[in-house]
Each structure stands twice: as structure tokens, then as C-alpha cells.
């Protein structure tokens, strides 16, 4: 397993992601202390798209927007 510092991870993220996509695990350290592990995603843990859409529909029924618009919510999040 490769180990890199946080600064190196930030500056070389595309290169590290390429290594991870090939199956390598990378430990990211901060001041020499391991803080994270970058590893390939487990595709079996993904939620099927249809299930996610159904969950969103169920959530929407219990949480109406009332007078808010999507644009207003986006602007609120930017403040």
C-alpha cells in the first residue's frame, strides 16, 4: 500500500485516482499520521437507480417546498 502526505494527495489527485482505479490502495497522512485510505469503490454497494428515484419520490411527499423555489434554495446554500 502506497502512502502519501495530504499536500501531495491534493496536488496529485488525478494521478492517485488513476492508481486507485487499477486496484491500488493509498494511505493519506497528515504530519505522518494516517488519516484516510483511498481505495477502489465497491460496485456491489451501489444503490440501483430505480430505488433511489423511488426514495426521492417518497421523501418529496413528506417534504413539500411550499413557496420556495429551487433557485431560492440554491442561492440560500451559497451564502
N, C-alpha and C. Protein backbone atom coordinates (compact mmCIF):
# COMPACT_ATOMS: atom_id res chain seq x y z
N UNK A 1 0.85 -1.18 0.00
CA UNK A 1 0.00 0.00 0.00
C UNK A 1 0.89 1.23 0.00
N UNK A 2 0.60 2.14 -0.91
CA UNK A 2 1.36 3.38 -1.04
C UNK A 2 0.89 4.38 0.02
N UNK A 3 1.80 5.23 0.51
CA UNK A 3 1.48 6.25 1.49
C UNK A 3 1.90 7.60 0.94
N UNK A 4 1.00 8.60 1.03
CA UNK A 4 1.32 9.95 0.58
C UNK A 4 0.82 10.95 1.62
N UNK A 5 1.47 12.10 1.66
CA UNK A 5 1.04 13.17 2.55
C UNK A 5 -0.18 13.88 1.98
N UNK A 6 -0.89 14.60 2.82
CA UNK A 6 -2.11 15.29 2.41
C UNK A 6 -1.84 16.30 1.29
N UNK A 7 -0.75 17.02 1.38
CA UNK A 7 -0.44 18.02 0.35
C UNK A 7 -0.19 17.34 -0.99
N UNK A 8 0.58 16.27 -0.97
CA UNK A 8 0.85 15.53 -2.21
C UNK A 8 -0.44 14.95 -2.77
N UNK A 9 -1.31 14.44 -1.89
CA UNK A 9 -2.59 13.88 -2.34
C UNK A 9 -3.42 14.96 -3.04
N UNK A 10 -3.39 16.17 -2.47
CA UNK A 10 -4.17 17.27 -3.06
C UNK A 10 -3.61 17.66 -4.42
N UNK A 11 -2.32 17.76 -4.52
CA UNK A 11 -1.71 18.24 -5.76
C UNK A 11 -1.64 17.17 -6.84
N UNK A 12 -1.70 15.90 -6.47
CA UNK A 12 -1.58 14.81 -7.44
C UNK A 12 -2.81 13.91 -7.47
N UNK A 13 -3.96 14.46 -7.11
CA UNK A 13 -5.17 13.64 -7.01
C UNK A 13 -5.50 12.88 -8.30
N UNK A 14 -5.44 13.50 -9.49
CA UNK A 14 -5.77 12.72 -10.69
C UNK A 14 -4.87 11.49 -10.87
N UNK A 15 -3.58 11.65 -10.58
CA UNK A 15 -2.65 10.53 -10.69
C UNK A 15 -2.99 9.44 -9.66
N UNK A 16 -3.31 9.85 -8.45
CA UNK A 16 -3.66 8.89 -7.40
C UNK A 16 -4.96 8.16 -7.76
N UNK A 17 -5.93 8.88 -8.31
CA UNK A 17 -7.19 8.25 -8.70
C UNK A 17 -6.96 7.22 -9.80
N UNK A 18 -6.02 7.49 -10.68
CA UNK A 18 -5.69 6.52 -11.73
C UNK A 18 -5.13 5.25 -11.11
N UNK A 19 -4.25 5.39 -10.12
CA UNK A 19 -3.70 4.22 -9.44
C UNK A 19 -4.80 3.43 -8.73
N UNK A 20 -5.70 4.15 -8.06
CA UNK A 20 -6.80 3.51 -7.34
C UNK A 20 -7.72 2.77 -8.30
N UNK A 21 -7.95 3.38 -9.47
CA UNK A 21 -8.83 2.72 -10.45
C UNK A 21 -8.23 1.41 -10.95
N UNK A 22 -6.93 1.25 -10.77
CA UNK A 22 -6.26 0.00 -11.15
C UNK A 22 -6.17 -0.98 -9.98
N UNK A 23 -6.82 -0.62 -8.84
CA UNK A 23 -6.89 -1.54 -7.72
C UNK A 23 -5.97 -1.25 -6.54
N UNK A 24 -5.15 -0.22 -6.64
CA UNK A 24 -4.22 0.09 -5.55
C UNK A 24 -4.91 0.85 -4.42
N UNK A 25 -4.49 0.60 -3.19
CA UNK A 25 -4.96 1.35 -2.02
C UNK A 25 -3.86 2.33 -1.63
N UNK A 26 -4.27 3.55 -1.24
CA UNK A 26 -3.31 4.58 -0.89
C UNK A 26 -3.70 5.17 0.46
N UNK A 27 -2.74 5.20 1.39
CA UNK A 27 -2.96 5.81 2.70
C UNK A 27 -2.55 7.27 2.62
N UNK A 28 -3.41 8.15 3.09
CA UNK A 28 -3.11 9.58 3.11
C UNK A 28 -2.80 9.96 4.56
N UNK A 29 -1.67 10.64 4.74
CA UNK A 29 -1.25 11.01 6.08
C UNK A 29 -1.24 12.53 6.25
N UNK A 30 -1.35 12.94 7.50
CA UNK A 30 -1.21 14.36 7.84
C UNK A 30 -0.20 14.42 8.97
N UNK A 31 0.92 15.06 8.70
CA UNK A 31 2.03 15.12 9.65
C UNK A 31 2.47 13.72 10.06
N UNK A 32 2.47 12.81 9.09
CA UNK A 32 2.94 11.44 9.33
C UNK A 32 1.93 10.51 9.96
N UNK A 33 0.74 11.01 10.28
CA UNK A 33 -0.29 10.19 10.92
C UNK A 33 -1.35 9.82 9.87
N UNK A 34 -1.64 8.53 9.67
CA UNK A 34 -2.66 8.15 8.70
C UNK A 34 -4.02 8.74 9.06
N UNK A 35 -4.67 9.39 8.07
CA UNK A 35 -5.98 9.98 8.30
C UNK A 35 -7.05 9.45 7.36
N UNK A 36 -6.64 8.83 6.25
CA UNK A 36 -7.63 8.33 5.29
C UNK A 36 -6.99 7.26 4.41
N UNK A 37 -7.86 6.44 3.84
CA UNK A 37 -7.41 5.45 2.87
C UNK A 37 -8.23 5.66 1.60
N UNK A 38 -7.52 5.84 0.50
CA UNK A 38 -8.14 5.98 -0.81
C UNK A 38 -8.10 4.61 -1.44
N UNK A 39 -9.29 4.05 -1.73
CA UNK A 39 -9.34 2.70 -2.27
C UNK A 39 -10.46 2.60 -3.29
N UNK A 40 -10.41 1.58 -4.15
CA UNK A 40 -11.46 1.44 -5.16
C UNK A 40 -12.83 1.30 -4.51
N UNK A 41 -13.82 1.88 -5.16
CA UNK A 41 -15.20 1.77 -4.67
C UNK A 41 -15.69 0.34 -4.89
N UNK A 42 -16.56 -0.10 -4.00
CA UNK A 42 -17.15 -1.43 -4.12
C UNK A 42 -18.44 -1.28 -4.92
N UNK A 43 -18.44 -1.71 -6.18
CA UNK A 43 -19.64 -1.52 -7.01
C UNK A 43 -20.86 -2.26 -6.47
N UNK A 44 -20.67 -3.27 -5.66
CA UNK A 44 -21.81 -4.01 -5.13
C UNK A 44 -22.55 -3.22 -4.06
N UNK A 45 -21.94 -2.14 -3.55
CA UNK A 45 -22.58 -1.33 -2.51
C UNK A 45 -23.44 -0.22 -3.09
N UNK A 46 -23.45 -0.08 -4.41
CA UNK A 46 -24.26 0.96 -5.04
C UNK A 46 -25.74 0.65 -4.94
N UNK A 47 -26.54 1.69 -4.88
CA UNK A 47 -27.99 1.53 -4.84
C UNK A 47 -28.53 1.63 -6.26
N UNK A 48 -29.40 0.71 -6.66
CA UNK A 48 -29.96 0.78 -8.01
C UNK A 48 -30.68 2.12 -8.24
N UNK A 49 -30.57 2.66 -9.44
CA UNK A 49 -31.12 3.97 -9.78
C UNK A 49 -32.62 4.02 -9.52
N UNK A 50 -33.34 2.98 -9.91
CA UNK A 50 -34.79 2.98 -9.70
C UNK A 50 -35.14 3.09 -8.21
N UNK A 51 -34.34 2.45 -7.37
CA UNK A 51 -34.59 2.52 -5.93
C UNK A 51 -34.35 3.93 -5.40
N UNK A 52 -33.31 4.58 -5.88
CA UNK A 52 -33.01 5.95 -5.46
C UNK A 52 -34.14 6.89 -5.89
N UNK A 53 -34.62 6.73 -7.11
CA UNK A 53 -35.72 7.57 -7.59
C UNK A 53 -36.95 7.37 -6.72
N UNK A 54 -37.26 6.14 -6.37
CA UNK A 54 -38.41 5.86 -5.51
C UNK A 54 -38.24 6.50 -4.13
N UNK A 55 -37.03 6.43 -3.58
CA UNK A 55 -36.76 7.06 -2.28
C UNK A 55 -36.94 8.58 -2.36
N UNK A 56 -36.50 9.18 -3.46
CA UNK A 56 -36.68 10.63 -3.64
C UNK A 56 -38.16 11.01 -3.73
N UNK A 57 -38.92 10.19 -4.45
CA UNK A 57 -40.36 10.46 -4.55
C UNK A 57 -41.02 10.37 -3.18
N UNK A 58 -40.65 9.38 -2.39
CA UNK A 58 -41.22 9.23 -1.05
C UNK A 58 -40.83 10.41 -0.17
N UNK A 59 -39.59 10.84 -0.28
CA UNK A 59 -39.12 11.98 0.51
C UNK A 59 -39.90 13.24 0.14
N UNK A 60 -40.12 13.44 -1.15
CA UNK A 60 -40.82 14.62 -1.63
C UNK A 60 -42.24 14.73 -1.10
N UNK A 61 -42.92 13.60 -0.95
CA UNK A 61 -44.30 13.65 -0.46
C UNK A 61 -44.35 14.17 0.97
N UNK A 62 -43.37 13.86 1.76
CA UNK A 62 -43.37 14.31 3.15
C UNK A 62 -42.71 15.65 3.38
N UNK A 63 -42.11 16.23 2.33
CA UNK A 63 -41.37 17.48 2.47
C UNK A 63 -41.72 18.44 1.33
N UNK A 64 -42.89 19.06 1.37
CA UNK A 64 -43.28 19.98 0.29
C UNK A 64 -42.42 21.25 0.32
N UNK A 65 -42.22 21.83 -0.85
CA UNK A 65 -41.42 23.05 -0.95
C UNK A 65 -42.19 24.29 -0.52
N UNK A 66 -43.50 24.20 -0.50
CA UNK A 66 -44.38 25.34 -0.20
C UNK A 66 -44.07 26.47 -1.16
N UNK A 67 -43.71 27.64 -0.66
CA UNK A 67 -43.48 28.79 -1.54
C UNK A 67 -42.03 28.90 -2.03
N UNK A 68 -41.17 28.01 -1.59
CA UNK A 68 -39.77 28.07 -2.01
C UNK A 68 -39.59 27.56 -3.43
N UNK A 69 -38.65 28.16 -4.13
CA UNK A 69 -38.28 27.65 -5.44
C UNK A 69 -36.91 27.01 -5.34
N UNK A 70 -36.60 26.17 -6.29
CA UNK A 70 -35.27 25.53 -6.31
C UNK A 70 -34.19 26.61 -6.37
N UNK A 71 -34.41 27.64 -7.19
CA UNK A 71 -33.43 28.73 -7.33
C UNK A 71 -33.17 29.40 -5.98
N UNK A 72 -34.21 29.66 -5.20
CA UNK A 72 -34.06 30.29 -3.88
C UNK A 72 -33.24 29.39 -2.95
N UNK A 73 -33.49 28.11 -3.01
CA UNK A 73 -32.72 27.19 -2.16
C UNK A 73 -31.26 27.14 -2.56
N UNK A 74 -31.00 27.19 -3.87
CA UNK A 74 -29.61 27.21 -4.34
C UNK A 74 -28.91 28.47 -3.85
N UNK A 75 -29.57 29.60 -4.00
CA UNK A 75 -28.98 30.87 -3.56
C UNK A 75 -28.75 30.88 -2.05
N UNK A 76 -29.69 30.32 -1.28
CA UNK A 76 -29.54 30.23 0.17
C UNK A 76 -28.31 29.41 0.53
N UNK A 77 -28.07 28.35 -0.19
CA UNK A 77 -26.92 27.49 0.09
C UNK A 77 -25.59 28.15 -0.23
N UNK A 78 -25.60 29.18 -1.06
CA UNK A 78 -24.36 29.87 -1.45
C UNK A 78 -23.95 30.94 -0.46
N UNK A 79 -24.82 31.27 0.48
CA UNK A 79 -24.47 32.34 1.43
C UNK A 79 -23.60 31.87 2.52
